[in-house]
Amino acid sequence: MAAIYTPLNITWKGKQYKIKADFDMIQRMELANLDVLRLVSAERPNMITLARFYAFFLNEAGEDVTGEDVYIEMTSGENAVDIFGKRAAIVEAIFPHSESQDDLKKNQTKT
């Protein structure tokens, strides 16, 4: 059974990116000391954690940005709402689901 990762659509400085995680990317995330549990367990994650995850995905897409760049954009830029709204999408992108889960969702929407 293959793992399926949900693509993440994010925007940075007016440019759209579609990033699809894989096992190696998740390993790089762990090696970068990004704390997934901190992102998913808090009712409202701290802004630094969210900024670091967003920057990680942008780096994977080829953008040269830091967590601090994203943090500044979150607190004063035009895309602040978009970045905050991506928490759930980031979580969904990094936790794979199986093909059978995909089939189950499709069947549920048909009925």
N, C-alpha and C. Protein backbone atom coordinates (compact mmCIF):
# COMPACT_ATOMS: atom_id res chain seq x y z
N MET A 1 0.85 -1.18 0.00
CA MET A 1 0.00 0.00 0.00
C MET A 1 0.90 1.24 0.00
N ALA A 2 0.72 2.09 -0.95
CA ALA A 2 1.55 3.29 -1.09
C ALA A 2 0.98 4.43 -0.26
N ALA A 3 1.89 5.24 0.26
CA ALA A 3 1.48 6.44 0.99
C ALA A 3 1.19 7.54 -0.01
N ILE A 4 0.18 8.32 0.28
CA ILE A 4 -0.21 9.43 -0.59
C ILE A 4 -0.09 10.71 0.23
N TYR A 5 0.69 11.64 -0.29
CA TYR A 5 0.84 12.94 0.36
C TYR A 5 -0.01 13.95 -0.39
N THR A 6 -0.71 14.77 0.36
CA THR A 6 -1.55 15.81 -0.23
C THR A 6 -0.67 17.00 -0.61
N PRO A 7 -0.74 17.47 -1.84
CA PRO A 7 0.06 18.63 -2.25
C PRO A 7 -0.31 19.87 -1.42
N LEU A 8 0.67 20.69 -1.15
CA LEU A 8 0.48 21.93 -0.41
C LEU A 8 0.61 23.08 -1.40
N ASN A 9 -0.40 23.93 -1.43
CA ASN A 9 -0.37 25.13 -2.27
C ASN A 9 -0.10 26.33 -1.37
N ILE A 10 1.02 27.00 -1.64
CA ILE A 10 1.36 28.19 -0.85
C ILE A 10 1.77 29.32 -1.78
N THR A 11 1.73 30.52 -1.23
CA THR A 11 2.07 31.72 -1.98
C THR A 11 3.18 32.47 -1.26
N TRP A 12 4.10 33.00 -2.04
CA TRP A 12 5.15 33.85 -1.47
C TRP A 12 5.44 34.97 -2.44
N LYS A 13 5.26 36.19 -1.97
CA LYS A 13 5.53 37.38 -2.78
C LYS A 13 4.82 37.33 -4.13
N GLY A 14 3.55 36.88 -4.10
CA GLY A 14 2.73 36.85 -5.29
C GLY A 14 2.92 35.63 -6.18
N LYS A 15 3.85 34.77 -5.83
CA LYS A 15 4.13 33.59 -6.65
C LYS A 15 3.54 32.35 -5.98
N GLN A 16 2.85 31.52 -6.78
CA GLN A 16 2.19 30.31 -6.27
C GLN A 16 3.13 29.11 -6.38
N TYR A 17 3.08 28.25 -5.37
CA TYR A 17 3.87 27.02 -5.38
C TYR A 17 2.97 25.86 -5.01
N LYS A 18 3.20 24.74 -5.66
CA LYS A 18 2.52 23.50 -5.32
C LYS A 18 3.61 22.50 -4.95
N ILE A 19 3.63 22.09 -3.69
CA ILE A 19 4.70 21.25 -3.18
C ILE A 19 4.10 19.95 -2.66
N LYS A 20 4.67 18.84 -3.09
CA LYS A 20 4.19 17.55 -2.63
C LYS A 20 5.30 16.88 -1.84
N ALA A 21 5.01 16.56 -0.60
CA ALA A 21 5.99 15.93 0.27
C ALA A 21 6.23 14.48 -0.14
N ASP A 22 7.34 13.96 0.31
CA ASP A 22 7.63 12.54 0.18
C ASP A 22 8.45 12.15 1.42
N PHE A 23 8.77 10.88 1.50
CA PHE A 23 9.47 10.39 2.68
C PHE A 23 10.80 11.13 2.91
N ASP A 24 11.57 11.34 1.84
CA ASP A 24 12.86 12.02 1.97
C ASP A 24 12.70 13.47 2.43
N MET A 25 11.66 14.11 1.98
CA MET A 25 11.40 15.49 2.40
C MET A 25 11.06 15.53 3.90
N ILE A 26 10.27 14.58 4.35
CA ILE A 26 9.93 14.52 5.77
C ILE A 26 11.19 14.28 6.60
N GLN A 27 12.10 13.46 6.08
CA GLN A 27 13.36 13.22 6.78
C GLN A 27 14.17 14.52 6.87
N ARG A 28 14.23 15.28 5.77
CA ARG A 28 14.94 16.57 5.80
C ARG A 28 14.30 17.52 6.80
N MET A 29 13.00 17.45 6.92
CA MET A 29 12.28 18.27 7.89
C MET A 29 12.72 17.92 9.31
N GLU A 30 12.81 16.63 9.59
CA GLU A 30 13.25 16.19 10.91
C GLU A 30 14.70 16.59 11.17
N LEU A 31 15.55 16.45 10.15
CA LEU A 31 16.96 16.83 10.31
C LEU A 31 17.12 18.33 10.53
N ALA A 32 16.15 19.10 10.06
CA ALA A 32 16.17 20.56 10.27
C ALA A 32 15.58 20.92 11.64
N ASN A 33 15.28 19.90 12.45
CA ASN A 33 14.73 20.09 13.80
C ASN A 33 13.39 20.82 13.81
N LEU A 34 12.58 20.56 12.79
CA LEU A 34 11.23 21.12 12.80
C LEU A 34 10.35 20.18 13.62
N ASP A 35 9.71 20.71 14.61
CA ASP A 35 8.93 19.92 15.56
C ASP A 35 7.48 19.82 15.09
N VAL A 36 7.17 18.71 14.44
CA VAL A 36 5.83 18.49 13.91
C VAL A 36 4.81 18.47 15.03
N LEU A 37 5.14 17.83 16.15
CA LEU A 37 4.19 17.76 17.25
C LEU A 37 3.84 19.14 17.79
N ARG A 38 4.80 20.01 17.80
CA ARG A 38 4.54 21.38 18.26
C ARG A 38 3.56 22.08 17.33
N LEU A 39 3.66 21.77 16.05
CA LEU A 39 2.76 22.37 15.06
C LEU A 39 1.34 21.85 15.22
N VAL A 40 1.19 20.56 15.48
CA VAL A 40 -0.15 19.96 15.49
C VAL A 40 -0.80 19.92 16.86
N SER A 41 -0.02 19.98 17.94
CA SER A 41 -0.62 19.78 19.26
C SER A 41 -1.16 21.06 19.89
N ALA A 42 -0.60 22.17 19.55
CA ALA A 42 -1.06 23.42 20.15
C ALA A 42 -2.36 23.87 19.50
N GLU A 43 -3.25 24.41 20.32
CA GLU A 43 -4.50 24.94 19.77
C GLU A 43 -4.19 26.03 18.75
N ARG A 44 -3.23 26.84 19.10
CA ARG A 44 -2.75 27.89 18.19
C ARG A 44 -1.23 27.81 18.24
N PRO A 45 -0.59 27.34 17.18
CA PRO A 45 0.86 27.16 17.23
C PRO A 45 1.57 28.50 17.34
N ASN A 46 2.75 28.45 17.94
CA ASN A 46 3.45 29.73 18.03
C ASN A 46 3.88 30.15 16.63
N MET A 47 4.01 31.43 16.46
CA MET A 47 4.25 32.00 15.14
C MET A 47 5.61 31.60 14.59
N ILE A 48 6.59 31.42 15.45
CA ILE A 48 7.92 31.03 15.00
C ILE A 48 7.88 29.63 14.38
N THR A 49 7.18 28.71 15.03
CA THR A 49 7.07 27.35 14.50
C THR A 49 6.41 27.37 13.13
N LEU A 50 5.31 28.07 13.01
CA LEU A 50 4.60 28.15 11.73
C LEU A 50 5.48 28.81 10.66
N ALA A 51 6.19 29.85 11.02
CA ALA A 51 7.08 30.53 10.07
C ALA A 51 8.19 29.60 9.59
N ARG A 52 8.76 28.81 10.49
CA ARG A 52 9.83 27.88 10.11
C ARG A 52 9.32 26.80 9.17
N PHE A 53 8.12 26.27 9.41
CA PHE A 53 7.54 25.26 8.51
C PHE A 53 7.27 25.87 7.14
N TYR A 54 6.68 27.04 7.11
CA TYR A 54 6.36 27.70 5.85
C TYR A 54 7.64 27.94 5.06
N ALA A 55 8.69 28.43 5.74
CA ALA A 55 9.98 28.68 5.09
C ALA A 55 10.57 27.37 4.56
N PHE A 56 10.43 26.30 5.32
CA PHE A 56 10.94 25.01 4.89
C PHE A 56 10.31 24.61 3.55
N PHE A 57 9.00 24.71 3.46
CA PHE A 57 8.32 24.34 2.22
C PHE A 57 8.73 25.27 1.08
N LEU A 58 8.88 26.55 1.35
CA LEU A 58 9.35 27.47 0.31
C LEU A 58 10.75 27.11 -0.15
N ASN A 59 11.62 26.74 0.78
CA ASN A 59 12.98 26.31 0.42
C ASN A 59 12.93 25.07 -0.47
N GLU A 60 12.03 24.15 -0.15
CA GLU A 60 11.88 22.94 -0.96
C GLU A 60 11.43 23.29 -2.39
N ALA A 61 10.70 24.40 -2.52
CA ALA A 61 10.23 24.85 -3.83
C ALA A 61 11.28 25.68 -4.57
N GLY A 62 12.40 25.94 -3.90
CA GLY A 62 13.48 26.69 -4.55
C GLY A 62 13.64 28.12 -4.12
N GLU A 63 12.77 28.61 -3.24
CA GLU A 63 12.89 29.98 -2.74
C GLU A 63 13.96 30.03 -1.64
N ASP A 64 14.72 31.10 -1.62
CA ASP A 64 15.75 31.28 -0.60
C ASP A 64 15.20 32.23 0.47
N VAL A 65 14.43 31.67 1.40
CA VAL A 65 13.85 32.47 2.48
C VAL A 65 14.17 31.80 3.81
N THR A 66 14.12 32.58 4.86
CA THR A 66 14.35 32.07 6.20
C THR A 66 13.04 32.11 6.99
N GLY A 67 13.05 31.45 8.11
CA GLY A 67 11.91 31.54 9.01
C GLY A 67 11.65 32.98 9.43
N GLU A 68 12.73 33.74 9.59
CA GLU A 68 12.58 35.14 9.97
C GLU A 68 11.90 35.95 8.86
N ASP A 69 12.24 35.67 7.60
CA ASP A 69 11.58 36.34 6.48
C ASP A 69 10.07 36.10 6.54
N VAL A 70 9.70 34.85 6.76
CA VAL A 70 8.28 34.50 6.82
C VAL A 70 7.62 35.13 8.03
N TYR A 71 8.31 35.12 9.16
CA TYR A 71 7.78 35.73 10.39
C TYR A 71 7.47 37.21 10.16
N ILE A 72 8.39 37.91 9.52
CA ILE A 72 8.17 39.34 9.24
C ILE A 72 6.95 39.51 8.35
N GLU A 73 6.82 38.66 7.33
CA GLU A 73 5.66 38.73 6.44
C GLU A 73 4.37 38.42 7.20
N MET A 74 4.45 37.47 8.14
CA MET A 74 3.27 37.10 8.94
C MET A 74 2.79 38.26 9.81
N THR A 75 3.72 39.02 10.32
CA THR A 75 3.36 40.07 11.27
C THR A 75 3.11 41.42 10.62
N SER A 76 3.60 41.61 9.39
CA SER A 76 3.42 42.94 8.80
C SER A 76 3.12 42.93 7.32
N GLY A 77 3.15 41.79 6.70
CA GLY A 77 2.99 41.75 5.25
C GLY A 77 1.57 41.54 4.79
N GLU A 78 1.40 41.56 3.50
CA GLU A 78 0.09 41.40 2.88
C GLU A 78 -0.43 39.97 2.99
N ASN A 79 0.47 39.00 3.12
CA ASN A 79 0.08 37.59 3.11
C ASN A 79 -0.09 36.98 4.49
N ALA A 80 -0.21 37.80 5.53
CA ALA A 80 -0.27 37.28 6.89
C ALA A 80 -1.43 36.30 7.06
N VAL A 81 -2.59 36.63 6.59
CA VAL A 81 -3.75 35.75 6.74
C VAL A 81 -3.53 34.44 6.01
N ASP A 82 -2.97 34.49 4.81
CA ASP A 82 -2.72 33.29 4.04
C ASP A 82 -1.77 32.35 4.79
N ILE A 83 -0.72 32.89 5.37
CA ILE A 83 0.25 32.06 6.08
C ILE A 83 -0.41 31.41 7.29
N PHE A 84 -1.14 32.18 8.09
CA PHE A 84 -1.82 31.60 9.25
C PHE A 84 -2.83 30.55 8.83
N GLY A 85 -3.48 30.77 7.70
CA GLY A 85 -4.48 29.83 7.23
C GLY A 85 -3.92 28.53 6.70
N LYS A 86 -2.61 28.44 6.54
CA LYS A 86 -1.98 27.26 5.96
C LYS A 86 -1.60 26.21 7.01
N ARG A 87 -1.82 26.46 8.27
CA ARG A 87 -1.42 25.49 9.29
C ARG A 87 -2.03 24.12 9.01
N ALA A 88 -3.34 24.06 8.81
CA ALA A 88 -4.00 22.77 8.57
C ALA A 88 -3.50 22.12 7.29
N ALA A 89 -3.25 22.92 6.25
CA ALA A 89 -2.76 22.38 4.99
C ALA A 89 -1.35 21.81 5.14
N ILE A 90 -0.51 22.47 5.93
CA ILE A 90 0.84 21.97 6.18
C ILE A 90 0.76 20.62 6.90
N VAL A 91 -0.09 20.55 7.91
CA VAL A 91 -0.24 19.30 8.66
C VAL A 91 -0.71 18.19 7.73
N GLU A 92 -1.69 18.48 6.89
CA GLU A 92 -2.20 17.48 5.96
C GLU A 92 -1.13 17.05 4.95
N ALA A 93 -0.28 17.99 4.55
CA ALA A 93 0.76 17.69 3.56
C ALA A 93 1.86 16.78 4.10
N ILE A 94 2.12 16.85 5.40
CA ILE A 94 3.24 16.08 5.93
C ILE A 94 2.84 14.74 6.53
N PHE A 95 1.56 14.50 6.68
CA PHE A 95 1.11 13.20 7.17
C PHE A 95 0.44 12.45 6.02
N PRO A 96 1.09 11.38 5.55
CA PRO A 96 0.52 10.66 4.41
C PRO A 96 -0.72 9.89 4.80
N HIS A 97 -1.52 9.59 3.80
CA HIS A 97 -2.65 8.69 3.99
C HIS A 97 -2.51 7.60 2.94
N SER A 98 -3.22 6.53 3.14
CA SER A 98 -3.09 5.40 2.23
C SER A 98 -4.08 5.51 1.08
N GLU A 99 -3.84 4.72 0.07
CA GLU A 99 -4.76 4.68 -1.06
C GLU A 99 -6.13 4.22 -0.62
N SER A 100 -6.18 3.29 0.34
CA SER A 100 -7.48 2.81 0.81
C SER A 100 -8.26 3.92 1.51
N GLN A 101 -7.57 4.83 2.20
CA GLN A 101 -8.25 5.98 2.81
C GLN A 101 -8.80 6.88 1.72
N ASP A 102 -8.04 7.04 0.64
CA ASP A 102 -8.49 7.84 -0.50
C ASP A 102 -9.77 7.24 -1.10
N ASP A 103 -9.76 5.93 -1.29
CA ASP A 103 -10.93 5.25 -1.84
C ASP A 103 -12.14 5.41 -0.94
N LEU A 104 -11.92 5.32 0.38
CA LEU A 104 -13.00 5.47 1.34
C LEU A 104 -13.62 6.86 1.24
N LYS A 105 -12.79 7.89 1.13
CA LYS A 105 -13.30 9.26 0.99
C LYS A 105 -14.13 9.41 -0.28
N LYS A 106 -13.64 8.83 -1.38
CA LYS A 106 -14.37 8.91 -2.65
C LYS A 106 -15.73 8.24 -2.53
N ASN A 107 -15.76 7.08 -1.90
CA ASN A 107 -17.02 6.36 -1.74
C ASN A 107 -17.99 7.11 -0.85
N GLN A 108 -17.48 7.78 0.18
CA GLN A 108 -18.34 8.53 1.08
C GLN A 108 -18.98 9.72 0.37
N THR A 109 -18.26 10.34 -0.54
CA THR A 109 -18.82 11.50 -1.25
C THR A 109 -19.84 11.08 -2.31
N LYS A 110 -19.77 9.83 -2.77
CA LYS A 110 -20.73 9.35 -3.77
C LYS A 110 -22.09 9.08 -3.16
N THR A 111 -22.13 8.72 -1.88
CA THR A 111 -23.40 8.36 -1.26
C THR A 111 -24.12 9.55 -0.68
